[in-house]
Amino acid sequence: MSTRAGWALVTLMRPALAPTAAADVLVGRCHQGSVETAEIPALALLCLASMGLYSAGMVLNDLFDAGRDRLLHPERPIPSGAISSTRAAVWGGGLLIAGLVLAQAAGRLPHALSVALAVLAYDGLVKRWALPGALGMGACRLLNVGMGSGDVLCAPGIATFSYVALLTLVSTTEEDSADSASLATYGWSLAVAAPAAALATPHPVWALPALGTLGFVLARRVRRGGATAGRFAAPGLVRVSLFGLLLLDAGILLGYKRALPALAILLLYPVCRALGAAGRHVATRRPS
């Protein structure tokens, strides 16, 4: 594989965001109670499985969008020719299978299958429409939290579903001509949903510092976007919200008094932000 194709594959996988999927699994597992030492290997496998499924979804998302991107985003890896559709399909399928194999080893194959099916449904069909797409993406995260908890409708999963569905509605406006008032409504709702997630935990006061910080950051970004001339500026808010999933999960973990995994996620947050910024910089260049 050439250097250019290698960078293209990394771009498709969005590795800086993959830890948000593993953090969801930790939230789900901690909802069930304390993690015993003997469970740590299986939990680690489950986190890796979740990251594999997430990365597969990212690659397949661009594969399904390749025709549209040739018109709207010809600079992206597949339409630019940096990586072929065939190679992207092989990698996406391979990551999906790897995620399922790891989940089987962790004893959660049925839950992982539900995540994989939700990802394929979103990438291949429901994202074509704004509201079904938002609900579909929220369902992917809901099922991902459920993969950790074993309970699809646990309270943290529902809180994550709400946050991600609103985030997805904001993201659908990046190329729409929707009016600024409607887009700002989505953004303000997202900013409110972050601290409201504390209510999904047994100890909301513990959760509020992280979740309130996330809500404040989102609200500030919405204000900045609303002040932009013309259409509401969604891309910056989307990036902040995506990485904000780590703060969301850390806050929920704190609401369960799971300080150690929450601290690990909080320490990971700036690292992922830096990797994401570096990835955007690299994506603007054309490696030989």
Protein backbone atom coordinates (compact mmCIF):
# COMPACT_ATOMS: atom_id res chain seq x y z
CA MET A 1 0.00 0.00 0.00
CA SER A 2 1.38 3.41 -0.96
CA THR A 3 1.89 6.16 1.59
CA ARG A 4 -0.94 8.10 0.01
CA ALA A 5 -3.32 5.16 0.30
CA GLY A 6 -2.21 4.58 3.89
CA TRP A 7 -2.98 8.16 4.88
CA ALA A 8 -6.29 7.92 3.06
CA LEU A 9 -7.24 4.82 5.03
CA VAL A 10 -6.35 6.52 8.31
CA THR A 11 -8.49 9.49 7.28
CA LEU A 12 -11.43 7.20 6.51
CA MET A 13 -11.18 5.44 9.88
CA ARG A 14 -11.20 8.66 12.00
CA PRO A 15 -8.96 7.12 14.69
CA ALA A 16 -9.14 10.22 16.90
CA LEU A 17 -12.86 9.56 17.44
CA ALA A 18 -12.72 5.78 17.90
CA PRO A 19 -12.09 6.08 21.68
CA THR A 20 -15.55 7.65 22.03
CA ALA A 21 -16.99 4.24 21.15
CA ALA A 22 -14.89 2.47 23.78
CA ALA A 23 -15.94 5.10 26.34
CA ASP A 24 -19.59 4.25 25.63
CA VAL A 25 -18.88 0.62 26.47
CA LEU A 26 -17.24 1.63 29.76
CA VAL A 27 -20.31 3.68 30.63
CA GLY A 28 -22.55 0.72 29.91
CA ARG A 29 -20.48 -1.67 31.97
CA CYS A 30 -20.16 0.68 34.95
CA HIS A 31 -23.94 1.10 34.93
CA GLN A 32 -24.09 -2.56 35.92
CA GLY A 33 -21.82 -2.11 38.95
CA SER A 34 -18.17 -2.31 39.90
CA VAL A 35 -15.82 -4.06 37.50
CA GLU A 36 -14.04 -7.04 39.03
CA THR A 37 -10.37 -7.61 38.24
CA ALA A 38 -11.21 -10.87 36.49
CA GLU A 39 -13.52 -9.02 34.10
CA ILE A 40 -10.93 -6.54 32.86
CA PRO A 41 -9.58 -8.68 29.94
CA ALA A 42 -13.10 -9.28 28.56
CA LEU A 43 -13.96 -5.60 29.01
CA ALA A 44 -10.79 -4.59 27.16
CA LEU A 45 -11.75 -6.91 24.29
CA LEU A 46 -15.21 -5.38 24.23
CA CYS A 47 -13.77 -1.87 24.03
CA LEU A 48 -11.56 -2.94 21.12
CA ALA A 49 -14.59 -4.57 19.46
CA SER A 50 -16.53 -1.33 19.77
CA MET A 51 -13.66 0.66 18.26
CA GLY A 52 -13.46 -1.82 15.40
CA LEU A 53 -17.17 -1.51 14.67
CA TYR A 54 -16.93 2.28 14.87
CA SER A 55 -13.98 2.40 12.46
CA ALA A 56 -15.80 0.03 10.10
CA GLY A 57 -18.81 2.33 10.16
CA MET A 58 -16.64 5.33 9.30
CA VAL A 59 -15.00 3.60 6.34
CA LEU A 60 -18.28 2.20 5.01
CA ASN A 61 -19.95 5.58 5.46
CA ASP A 62 -17.51 7.14 3.01
CA LEU A 63 -17.85 4.16 0.70
CA PHE A 64 -21.63 4.56 0.51
CA ASP A 65 -21.18 8.31 0.00
CA ALA A 66 -18.55 8.01 -2.73
CA GLY A 67 -20.91 8.88 -5.60
CA ARG A 68 -22.26 11.94 -3.85
CA ASP A 69 -18.81 13.02 -2.71
CA ARG A 70 -17.54 13.01 -6.29
CA LEU A 71 -19.82 16.00 -6.83
CA LEU A 72 -19.69 17.77 -3.46
CA HIS A 73 -16.36 16.71 -1.91
CA PRO A 74 -13.99 15.53 -4.65
CA GLU A 75 -11.03 16.06 -2.28
CA ARG A 76 -12.09 13.19 0.02
CA PRO A 77 -10.05 9.93 -0.09
CA ILE A 78 -12.28 7.78 -2.31
CA PRO A 79 -13.41 10.33 -4.93
CA SER A 80 -9.89 11.81 -5.11
CA GLY A 81 -8.50 8.37 -5.99
CA ALA A 82 -6.25 8.23 -2.93
CA ILE A 83 -7.83 4.87 -2.12
CA SER A 84 -10.05 2.70 -4.29
CA SER A 85 -13.63 1.79 -3.46
CA THR A 86 -12.64 -1.89 -3.52
CA ARG A 87 -9.87 -1.42 -0.97
CA ALA A 88 -12.15 0.69 1.23
CA ALA A 89 -14.81 -2.03 1.08
CA VAL A 90 -12.28 -4.71 2.06
CA TRP A 91 -11.00 -2.67 5.00
CA GLY A 92 -14.47 -1.70 6.15
CA GLY A 93 -15.68 -5.28 5.97
CA GLY A 94 -12.54 -6.54 7.68
CA LEU A 95 -12.92 -4.09 10.55
CA LEU A 96 -16.56 -5.11 10.93
CA ILE A 97 -15.64 -8.80 11.11
CA ALA A 98 -12.78 -8.06 13.53
CA GLY A 99 -15.16 -6.21 15.81
CA LEU A 100 -17.56 -9.14 15.83
CA VAL A 101 -14.79 -11.65 16.50
CA LEU A 102 -13.54 -9.60 19.46
CA ALA A 103 -17.07 -9.28 20.79
CA GLN A 104 -17.49 -13.06 20.53
CA ALA A 105 -14.32 -13.50 22.57
CA ALA A 106 -15.77 -11.10 25.16
CA GLY A 107 -19.08 -12.98 25.25
CA ARG A 108 -21.19 -10.22 23.69
CA LEU A 109 -21.62 -11.29 20.07
CA PRO A 110 -25.44 -10.76 19.91
CA HIS A 111 -25.05 -7.19 21.16
CA ALA A 112 -22.21 -6.53 18.70
CA LEU A 113 -24.33 -7.91 15.86
CA SER A 114 -27.07 -5.44 16.72
CA VAL A 115 -24.52 -2.60 16.61
CA ALA A 116 -23.16 -3.82 13.26
CA LEU A 117 -26.66 -4.05 11.74
CA ALA A 118 -27.53 -0.56 13.02
CA VAL A 119 -24.31 0.82 11.52
CA LEU A 120 -25.02 -0.78 8.14
CA ALA A 121 -28.63 0.45 8.20
CA TYR A 122 -27.49 3.98 8.97
CA ASP A 123 -24.67 4.06 6.40
CA GLY A 124 -26.62 2.38 3.64
CA LEU A 125 -30.11 3.79 4.04
CA VAL A 126 -31.54 5.89 6.85
CA LYS A 127 -28.97 8.70 6.81
CA ARG A 128 -30.55 9.87 3.54
CA TRP A 129 -33.28 11.55 5.61
CA ALA A 130 -32.59 14.01 8.43
CA LEU A 131 -34.81 12.75 11.25
CA PRO A 132 -34.55 9.00 10.54
CA GLY A 133 -30.81 9.47 10.13
CA ALA A 134 -30.54 11.24 13.49
CA LEU A 135 -32.54 8.50 15.19
CA GLY A 136 -30.50 5.84 13.41
CA MET A 137 -27.19 7.30 14.53
CA GLY A 138 -28.53 7.70 18.06
CA ALA A 139 -29.57 4.03 17.96
CA CYS A 140 -26.01 3.02 17.02
CA ARG A 141 -24.72 4.69 20.17
CA LEU A 142 -27.58 3.38 22.29
CA LEU A 143 -26.78 -0.17 21.21
CA ASN A 144 -23.08 0.45 21.75
CA VAL A 145 -23.70 1.46 25.37
CA GLY A 146 -25.94 -1.60 25.61
CA MET A 147 -23.06 -3.76 24.44
CA GLY A 148 -21.28 -2.78 27.63
CA SER A 149 -24.25 -2.99 29.96
CA GLY A 150 -26.14 -5.90 28.46
CA ASP A 151 -29.25 -3.70 28.81
CA VAL A 152 -30.18 -1.79 25.65
CA LEU A 153 -32.51 0.66 27.40
CA CYS A 154 -30.33 1.64 30.35
CA ALA A 155 -30.57 5.29 31.41
CA PRO A 156 -27.03 6.29 30.28
CA GLY A 157 -27.72 4.75 26.88
CA ILE A 158 -30.88 6.81 26.50
CA ALA A 159 -29.00 9.98 27.49
CA THR A 160 -26.30 9.19 24.93
CA PHE A 161 -28.97 8.45 22.30
CA SER A 162 -30.53 11.89 22.84
CA TYR A 163 -27.20 13.71 22.64
CA VAL A 164 -26.07 11.88 19.49
CA ALA A 165 -29.44 12.26 17.74
CA LEU A 166 -29.29 16.04 18.28
CA LEU A 167 -25.65 16.12 17.18
CA THR A 168 -26.59 14.28 14.00
CA LEU A 169 -29.35 16.78 13.26
CA VAL A 170 -26.79 19.56 13.53
CA SER A 171 -24.39 17.68 11.24
CA THR A 172 -27.05 17.24 8.55
CA THR A 173 -27.18 21.03 8.19
CA GLU A 174 -23.57 21.37 7.07
CA GLU A 175 -24.62 21.25 3.43
CA ASP A 176 -28.28 22.22 3.76
CA SER A 177 -29.91 25.55 3.12
CA ALA A 178 -31.93 25.36 6.34
CA ASP A 179 -32.54 28.68 8.06
CA SER A 180 -30.25 29.76 10.87
CA ALA A 181 -33.04 29.79 13.46
CA SER A 182 -33.78 26.08 12.97
CA LEU A 183 -30.12 25.14 13.10
CA ALA A 184 -29.54 27.22 16.21
CA THR A 185 -32.47 25.42 17.83
CA TYR A 186 -30.74 22.09 17.28
CA GLY A 187 -27.52 23.53 18.67
CA TRP A 188 -29.11 24.99 21.81
CA SER A 189 -30.96 21.72 22.38
CA LEU A 190 -27.65 19.89 22.20
CA ALA A 191 -26.10 22.30 24.70
CA VAL A 192 -28.99 21.63 27.10
CA ALA A 193 -28.88 17.85 26.56
CA ALA A 194 -25.30 17.63 27.84
CA PRO A 195 -25.88 18.76 31.46
CA ALA A 196 -29.33 17.14 31.43
CA ALA A 197 -27.55 13.78 31.04
CA ALA A 198 -26.65 14.07 34.73
CA LEU A 199 -30.25 13.11 35.48
CA ALA A 200 -29.54 9.68 34.00
CA THR A 201 -27.09 8.94 36.83
CA PRO A 202 -27.61 8.05 40.52
CA HIS A 203 -25.47 11.01 41.68
CA PRO A 204 -26.18 14.00 39.38
CA VAL A 205 -24.14 16.44 41.47
CA TRP A 206 -21.01 14.39 40.78
CA ALA A 207 -21.76 14.40 37.06
CA LEU A 208 -22.47 18.12 36.67
CA PRO A 209 -18.89 19.50 36.60
CA ALA A 210 -17.97 17.57 33.44
CA LEU A 211 -21.43 17.72 31.84
CA GLY A 212 -21.91 21.39 32.72
CA THR A 213 -18.53 22.19 31.17
CA LEU A 214 -19.57 20.39 27.99
CA GLY A 215 -22.87 22.27 27.92
CA PHE A 216 -21.04 25.59 28.37
CA VAL A 217 -18.56 24.82 25.58
CA LEU A 218 -21.40 23.83 23.23
CA ALA A 219 -23.46 26.91 24.10
CA ARG A 220 -20.49 29.18 23.42
CA ARG A 221 -19.94 27.50 20.06
CA VAL A 222 -23.63 27.90 19.19
CA ARG A 223 -23.43 31.63 19.97
CA ARG A 224 -20.35 31.99 17.79
CA GLY A 225 -22.04 30.07 14.97
CA GLY A 226 -25.23 32.11 15.25
CA ALA A 227 -23.25 35.31 14.90
CA THR A 228 -21.74 34.17 11.60
CA ALA A 229 -23.08 35.96 8.56
CA GLY A 230 -25.45 33.91 6.46
CA ARG A 231 -26.16 30.27 7.27
CA PHE A 232 -25.51 28.94 10.78
CA ALA A 233 -21.94 27.64 11.00
CA ALA A 234 -22.39 23.95 11.85
CA PRO A 235 -18.99 22.29 11.17
CA GLY A 236 -17.21 23.74 14.21
CA LEU A 237 -20.08 22.79 16.49
CA VAL A 238 -20.12 19.27 15.07
CA ARG A 239 -16.40 18.76 15.75
CA VAL A 240 -16.70 20.05 19.32
CA SER A 241 -19.77 17.88 19.92
CA LEU A 242 -18.14 14.72 18.58
CA PHE A 243 -15.14 15.00 20.86
CA GLY A 244 -17.55 16.12 23.56
CA LEU A 245 -18.81 12.54 23.65
CA LEU A 246 -15.75 11.82 25.80
CA LEU A 247 -16.79 14.52 28.27
CA LEU A 248 -20.34 13.18 28.20
CA ASP A 249 -19.18 9.67 29.06
CA ALA A 250 -16.76 10.92 31.72
CA GLY A 251 -19.54 12.95 33.32
CA ILE A 252 -21.91 9.98 33.36
CA LEU A 253 -19.21 7.81 34.91
CA LEU A 254 -18.68 10.42 37.60
CA GLY A 255 -22.43 10.33 38.19
CA TYR A 256 -21.96 6.65 39.03
CA LYS A 257 -18.95 7.51 41.23
CA ARG A 258 -16.62 5.65 38.87
CA ALA A 259 -13.78 8.11 39.26
CA LEU A 260 -10.91 6.06 37.79
CA PRO A 261 -12.40 5.35 34.34
CA ALA A 262 -13.80 8.90 34.26
CA LEU A 263 -10.32 10.31 34.91
CA ALA A 264 -8.85 8.10 32.18
CA ILE A 265 -11.38 9.43 29.68
CA LEU A 266 -10.82 13.04 30.76
CA LEU A 267 -7.08 12.60 30.24
CA LEU A 268 -7.77 11.07 26.83
CA TYR A 269 -9.92 14.02 25.74
CA PRO A 270 -7.11 16.52 24.92
CA VAL A 271 -5.11 13.76 23.25
CA CYS A 272 -8.00 12.91 20.93
CA ARG A 273 -8.61 16.59 20.19
CA ALA A 274 -4.95 17.01 19.26
CA LEU A 275 -5.01 13.90 17.06
CA GLY A 276 -8.17 15.15 15.37
CA ALA A 277 -6.58 18.53 14.64
CA ALA A 278 -3.45 16.83 13.30
CA GLY A 279 -5.59 14.57 11.12
CA ARG A 280 -7.39 17.54 9.57
CA HIS A 281 -4.01 19.14 8.86
CA VAL A 282 -2.67 15.99 7.22
CA ALA A 283 -5.86 15.60 5.19
CA THR A 284 -5.23 18.96 3.53
CA ARG A 285 -1.91 17.68 2.20
CA ARG A 286 -1.25 15.11 -0.50
CA PRO A 287 1.36 12.57 0.66
CA SER A 288 3.36 11.07 -2.17
